[in-house]
Amino acid sequence: MHIYKIILKIQNTLMLLASCIEELESAVSLNYEEDILERAYDLIATYRRIKNELELD
């Protein structure tokens, strides 16, 4: 894989994680317990998927 594709993949990954974190922060600031749990679960699932895609240990 070319270095450019690797950098692009990492950039997209960071943007996706940032989006998940922003959604979680929003739910926390509004103190919506159900939404907090859902957003936290989404963040964890996204992290695991990204970890597998990038083959990180």
PDB file of N, CA and C in Angstrom:
ATOM      1  N   MET A   1       0.854  -1.183   0.000  1.00  0.00           N
ATOM      2  CA  MET A   1       0.000   0.000   0.000  1.00  0.00           C
ATOM      3  C   MET A   1       0.892   1.235   0.000  1.00  0.00           C
ATOM      4  N   HIS A   2       0.566   2.166  -0.838  1.00  0.00           N
ATOM      5  CA  HIS A   2       1.353   3.390  -0.903  1.00  0.00           C
ATOM      6  C   HIS A   2       1.174   4.200   0.374  1.00  0.00           C
ATOM      7  N   ILE A   3       2.185   4.952   0.713  1.00  0.00           N
ATOM      8  CA  ILE A   3       2.160   5.753   1.934  1.00  0.00           C
ATOM      9  C   ILE A   3       0.991   6.734   1.917  1.00  0.00           C
ATOM     10  N   TYR A   4       0.654   7.265   0.735  1.00  0.00           N
ATOM     11  CA  TYR A   4      -0.459   8.207   0.632  1.00  0.00           C
ATOM     12  C   TYR A   4      -1.770   7.542   1.046  1.00  0.00           C
ATOM     13  N   LYS A   5      -1.993   6.311   0.602  1.00  0.00           N
ATOM     14  CA  LYS A   5      -3.218   5.590   0.961  1.00  0.00           C
ATOM     15  C   LYS A   5      -3.259   5.307   2.462  1.00  0.00           C
ATOM     16  N   ILE A   6      -2.118   5.011   3.046  1.00  0.00           N
ATOM     17  CA  ILE A   6      -2.050   4.754   4.486  1.00  0.00           C
ATOM     18  C   ILE A   6      -2.395   6.018   5.258  1.00  0.00           C
ATOM     19  N   ILE A   7      -1.818   7.129   4.843  1.00  0.00           N
ATOM     20  CA  ILE A   7      -2.083   8.408   5.510  1.00  0.00           C
ATOM     21  C   ILE A   7      -3.557   8.779   5.366  1.00  0.00           C
ATOM     22  N   LEU A   8      -4.115   8.576   4.190  1.00  0.00           N
ATOM     23  CA  LEU A   8      -5.515   8.882   3.947  1.00  0.00           C
ATOM     24  C   LEU A   8      -6.422   8.020   4.820  1.00  0.00           C
ATOM     25  N   LYS A   9      -6.089   6.758   4.949  1.00  0.00           N
ATOM     26  CA  LYS A   9      -6.873   5.846   5.779  1.00  0.00           C
ATOM     27  C   LYS A   9      -6.814   6.272   7.251  1.00  0.00           C
ATOM     28  N   ILE A  10      -5.645   6.651   7.713  1.00  0.00           N
ATOM     29  CA  ILE A  10      -5.495   7.107   9.095  1.00  0.00           C
ATOM     30  C   ILE A  10      -6.263   8.402   9.311  1.00  0.00           C
ATOM     31  N   GLN A  11      -6.199   9.312   8.337  1.00  0.00           N
ATOM     32  CA  GLN A  11      -6.932  10.572   8.439  1.00  0.00           C
ATOM     33  C   GLN A  11      -8.436  10.311   8.526  1.00  0.00           C
ATOM     34  N   ASN A  12      -8.955   9.450   7.688  1.00  0.00           N
ATOM     35  CA  ASN A  12     -10.379   9.118   7.719  1.00  0.00           C
ATOM     36  C   ASN A  12     -10.764   8.468   9.039  1.00  0.00           C
ATOM     37  N   THR A  13      -9.892   7.638   9.545  1.00  0.00           N
ATOM     38  CA  THR A  13     -10.119   6.977  10.824  1.00  0.00           C
ATOM     39  C   THR A  13     -10.207   7.991  11.960  1.00  0.00           C
ATOM     40  N   LEU A  14      -9.289   8.933  11.978  1.00  0.00           N
ATOM     41  CA  LEU A  14      -9.295   9.952  13.028  1.00  0.00           C
ATOM     42  C   LEU A  14     -10.541  10.831  12.951  1.00  0.00           C
ATOM     43  N   MET A  15     -10.970  11.136  11.737  1.00  0.00           N
ATOM     44  CA  MET A  15     -12.180  11.936  11.569  1.00  0.00           C
ATOM     45  C   MET A  15     -13.411  11.179  12.072  1.00  0.00           C
ATOM     46  N   LEU A  16     -13.465   9.890  11.804  1.00  0.00           N
ATOM     47  CA  LEU A  16     -14.578   9.063  12.272  1.00  0.00           C
ATOM     48  C   LEU A  16     -14.595   8.986  13.795  1.00  0.00           C
ATOM     49  N   LEU A  17     -13.429   8.774  14.392  1.00  0.00           N
ATOM     50  CA  LEU A  17     -13.350   8.744  15.855  1.00  0.00           C
ATOM     51  C   LEU A  17     -13.732  10.084  16.466  1.00  0.00           C
ATOM     52  N   ALA A  18     -13.276  11.173  15.850  1.00  0.00           N
ATOM     53  CA  ALA A  18     -13.620  12.509  16.348  1.00  0.00           C
ATOM     54  C   ALA A  18     -15.120  12.729  16.309  1.00  0.00           C
ATOM     55  N   SER A  19     -15.757  12.269  15.265  1.00  0.00           N
ATOM     56  CA  SER A  19     -17.207  12.404  15.144  1.00  0.00           C
ATOM     57  C   SER A  19     -17.923  11.629  16.251  1.00  0.00           C
ATOM     58  N   CYS A  20     -17.472  10.422  16.509  1.00  0.00           N
ATOM     59  CA  CYS A  20     -18.067   9.604  17.580  1.00  0.00           C
ATOM     60  C   CYS A  20     -17.880  10.275  18.939  1.00  0.00           C
ATOM     61  N   ILE A  21     -16.715  10.830  19.166  1.00  0.00           N
ATOM     62  CA  ILE A  21     -16.426  11.501  20.432  1.00  0.00           C
ATOM     63  C   ILE A  21     -17.293  12.748  20.587  1.00  0.00           C
ATOM     64  N   GLU A  22     -17.467  13.510  19.509  1.00  0.00           N
ATOM     65  CA  GLU A  22     -18.315  14.704  19.563  1.00  0.00           C
ATOM     66  C   GLU A  22     -19.757  14.343  19.893  1.00  0.00           C
ATOM     67  N   GLU A  23     -20.259  13.267  19.295  1.00  0.00           N
ATOM     68  CA  GLU A  23     -21.621  12.827  19.581  1.00  0.00           C
ATOM     69  C   GLU A  23     -21.759  12.399  21.040  1.00  0.00           C
ATOM     70  N   LEU A  24     -20.752  11.708  21.553  1.00  0.00           N
ATOM     71  CA  LEU A  24     -20.775  11.296  22.956  1.00  0.00           C
ATOM     72  C   LEU A  24     -20.722  12.513  23.873  1.00  0.00           C
ATOM     73  N   GLU A  25     -19.866  13.466  23.569  1.00  0.00           N
ATOM     74  CA  GLU A  25     -19.776  14.688  24.376  1.00  0.00           C
ATOM     75  C   GLU A  25     -21.099  15.438  24.393  1.00  0.00           C
ATOM     76  N   SER A  26     -21.769  15.474  23.257  1.00  0.00           N
ATOM     77  CA  SER A  26     -23.064  16.150  23.169  1.00  0.00           C
ATOM     78  C   SER A  26     -24.097  15.460  24.058  1.00  0.00           C
ATOM     79  N   ALA A  27     -24.128  14.151  24.010  1.00  0.00           N
ATOM     80  CA  ALA A  27     -25.066  13.393  24.845  1.00  0.00           C
ATOM     81  C   ALA A  27     -24.771  13.594  26.325  1.00  0.00           C
ATOM     82  N   VAL A  28     -23.493  13.633  26.671  1.00  0.00           N
ATOM     83  CA  VAL A  28     -23.097  13.835  28.065  1.00  0.00           C
ATOM     84  C   VAL A  28     -23.511  15.233  28.530  1.00  0.00           C
ATOM     85  N   SER A  29     -23.286  16.234  27.689  1.00  0.00           N
ATOM     86  CA  SER A  29     -23.624  17.601  28.081  1.00  0.00           C
ATOM     87  C   SER A  29     -25.128  17.774  28.279  1.00  0.00           C
ATOM     88  N   LEU A  30     -25.923  16.994  27.542  1.00  0.00           N
ATOM     89  CA  LEU A  30     -27.380  17.056  27.695  1.00  0.00           C
ATOM     90  C   LEU A  30     -27.888  16.108  28.775  1.00  0.00           C
ATOM     91  N   ASN A  31     -26.984  15.283  29.287  1.00  0.00           N
ATOM     92  CA  ASN A  31     -27.281  14.329  30.361  1.00  0.00           C
ATOM     93  C   ASN A  31     -28.380  13.337  29.973  1.00  0.00           C
ATOM     94  N   TYR A  32     -28.332  12.876  28.722  1.00  0.00           N
ATOM     95  CA  TYR A  32     -29.273  11.867  28.241  1.00  0.00           C
ATOM     96  C   TYR A  32     -28.642  10.493  28.421  1.00  0.00           C
ATOM     97  N   GLU A  33     -29.041   9.812  29.484  1.00  0.00           N
ATOM     98  CA  GLU A  33     -28.390   8.552  29.850  1.00  0.00           C
ATOM     99  C   GLU A  33     -28.452   7.514  28.739  1.00  0.00           C
ATOM    100  N   GLU A  34     -29.618   7.330  28.147  1.00  0.00           N
ATOM    101  CA  GLU A  34     -29.755   6.318  27.092  1.00  0.00           C
ATOM    102  C   GLU A  34     -28.885   6.666  25.888  1.00  0.00           C
ATOM    103  N   ASP A  35     -28.871   7.932  25.520  1.00  0.00           N
ATOM    104  CA  ASP A  35     -28.056   8.381  24.390  1.00  0.00           C
ATOM    105  C   ASP A  35     -26.566   8.255  24.711  1.00  0.00           C
ATOM    106  N   ILE A  36     -26.196   8.523  25.956  1.00  0.00           N
ATOM    107  CA  ILE A  36     -24.797   8.380  26.374  1.00  0.00           C
ATOM    108  C   ILE A  36     -24.341   6.941  26.189  1.00  0.00           C
ATOM    109  N   LEU A  37     -25.168   6.006  26.655  1.00  0.00           N
ATOM    110  CA  LEU A  37     -24.810   4.589  26.530  1.00  0.00           C
ATOM    111  C   LEU A  37     -24.706   4.167  25.069  1.00  0.00           C
ATOM    112  N   GLU A  38     -25.643   4.632  24.253  1.00  0.00           N
ATOM    113  CA  GLU A  38     -25.617   4.288  22.831  1.00  0.00           C
ATOM    114  C   GLU A  38     -24.383   4.863  22.146  1.00  0.00           C
ATOM    115  N   ARG A  39     -24.066   6.118  22.431  1.00  0.00           N
ATOM    116  CA  ARG A  39     -22.898   6.761  21.812  1.00  0.00           C
ATOM    117  C   ARG A  39     -21.592   6.131  22.292  1.00  0.00           C
ATOM    118  N   ALA A  40     -21.544   5.754  23.564  1.00  0.00           N
ATOM    119  CA  ALA A  40     -20.341   5.094  24.092  1.00  0.00           C
ATOM    120  C   ALA A  40     -20.152   3.740  23.409  1.00  0.00           C
ATOM    121  N   TYR A  41     -21.256   3.016  23.248  1.00  0.00           N
ATOM    122  CA  TYR A  41     -21.183   1.729  22.554  1.00  0.00           C
ATOM    123  C   TYR A  41     -20.713   1.928  21.110  1.00  0.00           C
ATOM    124  N   ASP A  42     -21.256   2.943  20.429  1.00  0.00           N
ATOM    125  CA  ASP A  42     -20.837   3.234  19.049  1.00  0.00           C
ATOM    126  C   ASP A  42     -19.346   3.554  18.972  1.00  0.00           C
ATOM    127  N   LEU A  43     -18.861   4.326  19.941  1.00  0.00           N
ATOM    128  CA  LEU A  43     -17.441   4.686  19.969  1.00  0.00           C
ATOM    129  C   LEU A  43     -16.570   3.445  20.136  1.00  0.00           C
ATOM    130  N   ILE A  44     -16.950   2.568  21.042  1.00  0.00           N
ATOM    131  CA  ILE A  44     -16.188   1.342  21.271  1.00  0.00           C
ATOM    132  C   ILE A  44     -16.217   0.452  20.028  1.00  0.00           C
ATOM    133  N   ALA A  45     -17.393   0.301  19.421  1.00  0.00           N
ATOM    134  CA  ALA A  45     -17.519  -0.524  18.213  1.00  0.00           C
ATOM    135  C   ALA A  45     -16.683   0.053  17.071  1.00  0.00           C
ATOM    136  N   THR A  46     -16.703   1.372  16.939  1.00  0.00           N
ATOM    137  CA  THR A  46     -15.916   2.029  15.890  1.00  0.00           C
ATOM    138  C   THR A  46     -14.430   1.814  16.132  1.00  0.00           C
ATOM    139  N   TYR A  47     -14.004   1.972  17.379  1.00  0.00           N
ATOM    140  CA  TYR A  47     -12.597   1.755  17.716  1.00  0.00           C
ATOM    141  C   TYR A  47     -12.172   0.323  17.376  1.00  0.00           C
ATOM    142  N   ARG A  48     -12.991  -0.642  17.750  1.00  0.00           N
ATOM    143  CA  ARG A  48     -12.644  -2.042  17.473  1.00  0.00           C
ATOM    144  C   ARG A  48     -12.563  -2.317  15.977  1.00  0.00           C
ATOM    145  N   ARG A  49     -13.516  -1.758  15.221  1.00  0.00           N
ATOM    146  CA  ARG A  49     -13.504  -1.947  13.772  1.00  0.00           C
ATOM    147  C   ARG A  49     -12.255  -1.336  13.155  1.00  0.00           C
ATOM    148  N   ILE A  50     -11.924  -0.139  13.590  1.00  0.00           N
ATOM    149  CA  ILE A  50     -10.734   0.539  13.072  1.00  0.00           C
ATOM    150  C   ILE A  50      -9.473  -0.218  13.453  1.00  0.00           C
ATOM    151  N   LYS A  51      -9.436  -0.687  14.673  1.00  0.00           N
ATOM    152  CA  LYS A  51      -8.277  -1.456  15.140  1.00  0.00           C
ATOM    153  C   LYS A  51      -8.064  -2.686  14.259  1.00  0.00           C
ATOM    154  N   ASN A  52      -9.145  -3.356  13.917  1.00  0.00           N
ATOM    155  CA  ASN A  52      -9.042  -4.536  13.058  1.00  0.00           C
ATOM    156  C   ASN A  52      -8.626  -4.149  11.637  1.00  0.00           C
ATOM    157  N   GLU A  53      -9.214  -3.070  11.111  1.00  0.00           N
ATOM    158  CA  GLU A  53      -8.891  -2.644   9.756  1.00  0.00           C
ATOM    159  C   GLU A  53      -7.424  -2.239   9.623  1.00  0.00           C
ATOM    160  N   LEU A  54      -6.904  -1.561  10.635  1.00  0.00           N
ATOM    161  CA  LEU A  54      -5.519  -1.115  10.584  1.00  0.00           C
ATOM    162  C   LEU A  54      -4.552  -2.161  11.124  1.00  0.00           C
ATOM    163  N   GLU A  55      -5.112  -3.281  11.582  1.00  0.00           N
ATOM    164  CA  GLU A  55      -4.334  -4.389  12.116  1.00  0.00           C
ATOM    165  C   GLU A  55      -3.414  -3.947  13.244  1.00  0.00           C
ATOM    166  N   LEU A  56      -4.006  -3.254  14.216  1.00  0.00           N
ATOM    167  CA  LEU A  56      -3.255  -2.803  15.389  1.00  0.00           C
ATOM    168  C   LEU A  56      -3.436  -3.796  16.521  1.00  0.00           C
ATOM    169  N   ASP A  57      -2.452  -3.893  17.365  1.00  0.00           N
ATOM    170  CA  ASP A  57      -2.554  -4.791  18.537  1.00  0.00           C
ATOM    171  C   ASP A  57      -2.745  -4.003  19.791  1.00  0.00           C
TER     172      ASP A  57
END
